[in-house]
Amino acid sequence: MKRALVFRLAAAGAAVAAGIHAAALAWPAFAGAAYPPAYPAWRHVVFIAIDSAVAWLFLRRPRWFVWVYAVLTAQVLYGHGGAAWTAWQRDGHVSWIDAAAIVAVPLGLAMLVAEHAESKR
């Protein structure tokens, strides 16, 4: 698969994540199904901005983006990974949103790291 297509798919994934946060902000029933009850509205706003920026940056890929995305990956693994672990221990299942995040976001980082390493050759 061509690199440009893969990064366009990653950008689309980030745009979908922004849309999920927007939907959760707009429709409380969706928020209740996808996020814990105590998830604050301001976090949805913050992640709409972050995910939108990430979508744009996946298309542009400035050299520094890999480092910023690595920090975001750590945050996602801490937040969604912790939620997935807690749900697994408590209920025996993981929510779709946590599973998608803990798989897709590190894959995006792996792609950026590979591109960054290749550009140094």
C-alpha atoms as a PDB file:
ATOM      1  CA  MET A   1       0.000   0.000   0.000  1.00  0.00           C
ATOM      2  CA  LYS A   2       1.388   3.407  -0.892  1.00  0.00           C
ATOM      3  CA  ARG A   3       2.575   5.594   1.963  1.00  0.00           C
ATOM      4  CA  ALA A   4       0.427   8.560   0.932  1.00  0.00           C
ATOM      5  CA  LEU A   5      -2.706   6.402   1.055  1.00  0.00           C
ATOM      6  CA  VAL A   6      -1.807   5.023   4.474  1.00  0.00           C
ATOM      7  CA  PHE A   7      -1.322   8.513   5.870  1.00  0.00           C
ATOM      8  CA  ARG A   8      -4.595   9.658   4.269  1.00  0.00           C
ATOM      9  CA  LEU A   9      -6.314   6.777   6.053  1.00  0.00           C
ATOM     10  CA  ALA A  10      -4.669   7.837   9.312  1.00  0.00           C
ATOM     11  CA  ALA A  11      -5.895  11.396   8.721  1.00  0.00           C
ATOM     12  CA  ALA A  12      -9.387  10.052   8.085  1.00  0.00           C
ATOM     13  CA  GLY A  13      -9.195   8.066  11.322  1.00  0.00           C
ATOM     14  CA  ALA A  14      -8.259  11.195  13.257  1.00  0.00           C
ATOM     15  CA  ALA A  15     -11.141  13.056  11.597  1.00  0.00           C
ATOM     16  CA  VAL A  16     -13.497  10.246  12.630  1.00  0.00           C
ATOM     17  CA  ALA A  17     -12.194  10.530  16.209  1.00  0.00           C
ATOM     18  CA  ALA A  18     -12.956  14.272  16.138  1.00  0.00           C
ATOM     19  CA  GLY A  19     -16.422  13.432  14.842  1.00  0.00           C
ATOM     20  CA  ILE A  20     -16.986  10.912  17.629  1.00  0.00           C
ATOM     21  CA  HIS A  21     -16.118  13.544  20.225  1.00  0.00           C
ATOM     22  CA  ALA A  22     -18.407  16.025  18.463  1.00  0.00           C
ATOM     23  CA  ALA A  23     -21.233  13.489  18.432  1.00  0.00           C
ATOM     24  CA  ALA A  24     -20.696  12.775  22.124  1.00  0.00           C
ATOM     25  CA  LEU A  25     -20.840  16.501  22.830  1.00  0.00           C
ATOM     26  CA  ALA A  26     -24.015  16.970  20.779  1.00  0.00           C
ATOM     27  CA  TRP A  27     -25.938  13.816  21.779  1.00  0.00           C
ATOM     28  CA  PRO A  28     -25.880  12.805  25.437  1.00  0.00           C
ATOM     29  CA  ALA A  29     -27.249   9.345  24.578  1.00  0.00           C
ATOM     30  CA  PHE A  30     -24.224   8.698  22.335  1.00  0.00           C
ATOM     31  CA  ALA A  31     -21.890  10.077  25.002  1.00  0.00           C
ATOM     32  CA  GLY A  32     -23.441   7.729  27.547  1.00  0.00           C
ATOM     33  CA  ALA A  33     -22.876   4.738  25.293  1.00  0.00           C
ATOM     34  CA  ALA A  34     -19.302   5.598  24.310  1.00  0.00           C
ATOM     35  CA  TYR A  35     -17.800   7.331  27.363  1.00  0.00           C
ATOM     36  CA  PRO A  36     -17.938   7.004  31.153  1.00  0.00           C
ATOM     37  CA  PRO A  37     -20.665   9.070  32.840  1.00  0.00           C
ATOM     38  CA  ALA A  38     -18.133  11.416  34.454  1.00  0.00           C
ATOM     39  CA  TYR A  39     -16.404  12.297  31.141  1.00  0.00           C
ATOM     40  CA  PRO A  40     -16.516  16.112  31.053  1.00  0.00           C
ATOM     41  CA  ALA A  41     -17.763  18.099  28.050  1.00  0.00           C
ATOM     42  CA  TRP A  42     -14.603  20.232  28.024  1.00  0.00           C
ATOM     43  CA  ARG A  43     -12.518  17.125  27.213  1.00  0.00           C
ATOM     44  CA  HIS A  44     -14.643  16.498  24.145  1.00  0.00           C
ATOM     45  CA  VAL A  45     -13.949  20.073  23.009  1.00  0.00           C
ATOM     46  CA  VAL A  46     -10.200  19.648  23.608  1.00  0.00           C
ATOM     47  CA  PHE A  47     -10.096  16.362  21.688  1.00  0.00           C
ATOM     48  CA  ILE A  48     -12.136  17.754  18.809  1.00  0.00           C
ATOM     49  CA  ALA A  49      -9.373  20.350  18.411  1.00  0.00           C
ATOM     50  CA  ILE A  50      -6.536  17.844  18.908  1.00  0.00           C
ATOM     51  CA  ASP A  51      -7.972  15.195  16.588  1.00  0.00           C
ATOM     52  CA  SER A  52      -8.739  17.795  13.902  1.00  0.00           C
ATOM     53  CA  ALA A  53      -5.163  19.088  14.095  1.00  0.00           C
ATOM     54  CA  VAL A  54      -3.817  15.532  13.943  1.00  0.00           C
ATOM     55  CA  ALA A  55      -5.868  14.831  10.819  1.00  0.00           C
ATOM     56  CA  TRP A  56      -4.366  17.882   9.110  1.00  0.00           C
ATOM     57  CA  LEU A  57      -0.854  17.072  10.356  1.00  0.00           C
ATOM     58  CA  PHE A  58      -1.037  13.486   9.053  1.00  0.00           C
ATOM     59  CA  LEU A  59      -1.476  15.000   5.609  1.00  0.00           C
ATOM     60  CA  ARG A  60       1.382  17.518   6.022  1.00  0.00           C
ATOM     61  CA  ARG A  61       3.721  15.493   8.290  1.00  0.00           C
ATOM     62  CA  PRO A  62       6.217  18.123   9.391  1.00  0.00           C
ATOM     63  CA  ARG A  63       9.403  16.589  10.815  1.00  0.00           C
ATOM     64  CA  TRP A  64       8.451  17.459  14.407  1.00  0.00           C
ATOM     65  CA  PHE A  65       5.027  15.798  14.185  1.00  0.00           C
ATOM     66  CA  VAL A  66       6.409  12.373  15.123  1.00  0.00           C
ATOM     67  CA  TRP A  67       7.410  13.716  18.572  1.00  0.00           C
ATOM     68  CA  VAL A  68       4.101  15.443  19.220  1.00  0.00           C
ATOM     69  CA  TYR A  69       2.210  12.355  18.096  1.00  0.00           C
ATOM     70  CA  ALA A  70       4.356  10.197  20.409  1.00  0.00           C
ATOM     71  CA  VAL A  71       3.119  12.284  23.357  1.00  0.00           C
ATOM     72  CA  LEU A  72      -0.466  11.939  22.147  1.00  0.00           C
ATOM     73  CA  THR A  73       0.040   8.176  21.800  1.00  0.00           C
ATOM     74  CA  ALA A  74       1.222   7.966  25.413  1.00  0.00           C
ATOM     75  CA  GLN A  75      -1.849   9.915  26.546  1.00  0.00           C
ATOM     76  CA  VAL A  76      -4.198   7.699  24.510  1.00  0.00           C
ATOM     77  CA  LEU A  77      -2.603   4.508  25.846  1.00  0.00           C
ATOM     78  CA  TYR A  78      -2.873   5.841  29.391  1.00  0.00           C
ATOM     79  CA  GLY A  79      -6.485   7.014  29.010  1.00  0.00           C
ATOM     80  CA  HIS A  80      -8.048   4.437  26.700  1.00  0.00           C
ATOM     81  CA  GLY A  81      -5.690   1.665  27.777  1.00  0.00           C
ATOM     82  CA  GLY A  82      -6.486   2.266  31.438  1.00  0.00           C
ATOM     83  CA  ALA A  83     -10.207   2.347  30.700  1.00  0.00           C
ATOM     84  CA  ALA A  84      -9.929  -0.868  28.671  1.00  0.00           C
ATOM     85  CA  TRP A  85      -8.028  -2.627  31.443  1.00  0.00           C
ATOM     86  CA  THR A  86     -10.514  -1.504  34.092  1.00  0.00           C
ATOM     87  CA  ALA A  87     -13.490  -2.580  31.975  1.00  0.00           C
ATOM     88  CA  TRP A  88     -11.870  -5.934  31.223  1.00  0.00           C
ATOM     89  CA  GLN A  89     -11.214  -6.586  34.910  1.00  0.00           C
ATOM     90  CA  ARG A  90     -14.668  -5.389  36.002  1.00  0.00           C
ATOM     91  CA  ASP A  91     -16.940  -6.535  33.145  1.00  0.00           C
ATOM     92  CA  GLY A  92     -14.907  -8.967  31.050  1.00  0.00           C
ATOM     93  CA  HIS A  93     -15.100  -6.840  27.888  1.00  0.00           C
ATOM     94  CA  VAL A  94     -13.546  -3.747  26.349  1.00  0.00           C
ATOM     95  CA  SER A  95     -15.528  -0.952  24.694  1.00  0.00           C
ATOM     96  CA  TRP A  96     -15.171  -0.523  20.940  1.00  0.00           C
ATOM     97  CA  ILE A  97     -13.848   3.009  21.346  1.00  0.00           C
ATOM     98  CA  ASP A  98     -11.053   1.931  23.710  1.00  0.00           C
ATOM     99  CA  ALA A  99     -10.113  -1.030  21.512  1.00  0.00           C
ATOM    100  CA  ALA A 100      -9.997   1.111  18.372  1.00  0.00           C
ATOM    101  CA  ALA A 101      -7.877   3.775  20.055  1.00  0.00           C
ATOM    102  CA  ILE A 102      -5.309   1.420  21.574  1.00  0.00           C
ATOM    103  CA  VAL A 103      -4.795  -0.315  18.226  1.00  0.00           C
ATOM    104  CA  ALA A 104      -5.022   2.546  15.715  1.00  0.00           C
ATOM    105  CA  VAL A 105      -3.082   5.280  17.498  1.00  0.00           C
ATOM    106  CA  PRO A 106       0.117   3.233  18.046  1.00  0.00           C
ATOM    107  CA  LEU A 107      -0.077   2.096  14.404  1.00  0.00           C
ATOM    108  CA  GLY A 108      -0.073   5.759  13.383  1.00  0.00           C
ATOM    109  CA  LEU A 109       2.998   6.314  15.539  1.00  0.00           C
ATOM    110  CA  ALA A 110       4.751   3.305  14.000  1.00  0.00           C
ATOM    111  CA  MET A 111       4.116   4.725  10.521  1.00  0.00           C
ATOM    112  CA  LEU A 112       5.478   8.131  11.529  1.00  0.00           C
ATOM    113  CA  VAL A 113       8.542   6.609  13.193  1.00  0.00           C
ATOM    114  CA  ALA A 114       9.281   4.527  10.098  1.00  0.00           C
ATOM    115  CA  GLU A 115       8.970   7.579   7.857  1.00  0.00           C
ATOM    116  CA  HIS A 116      11.128   9.643  10.218  1.00  0.00           C
ATOM    117  CA  ALA A 117      13.844   6.960  10.286  1.00  0.00           C
ATOM    118  CA  GLU A 118      13.768   6.660   6.509  1.00  0.00           C
ATOM    119  CA  SER A 119      14.146  10.405   6.074  1.00  0.00           C
ATOM    120  CA  LYS A 120      17.344  10.351   8.145  1.00  0.00           C
ATOM    121  CA  ARG A 121      19.075   7.944   5.746  1.00  0.00           C
END
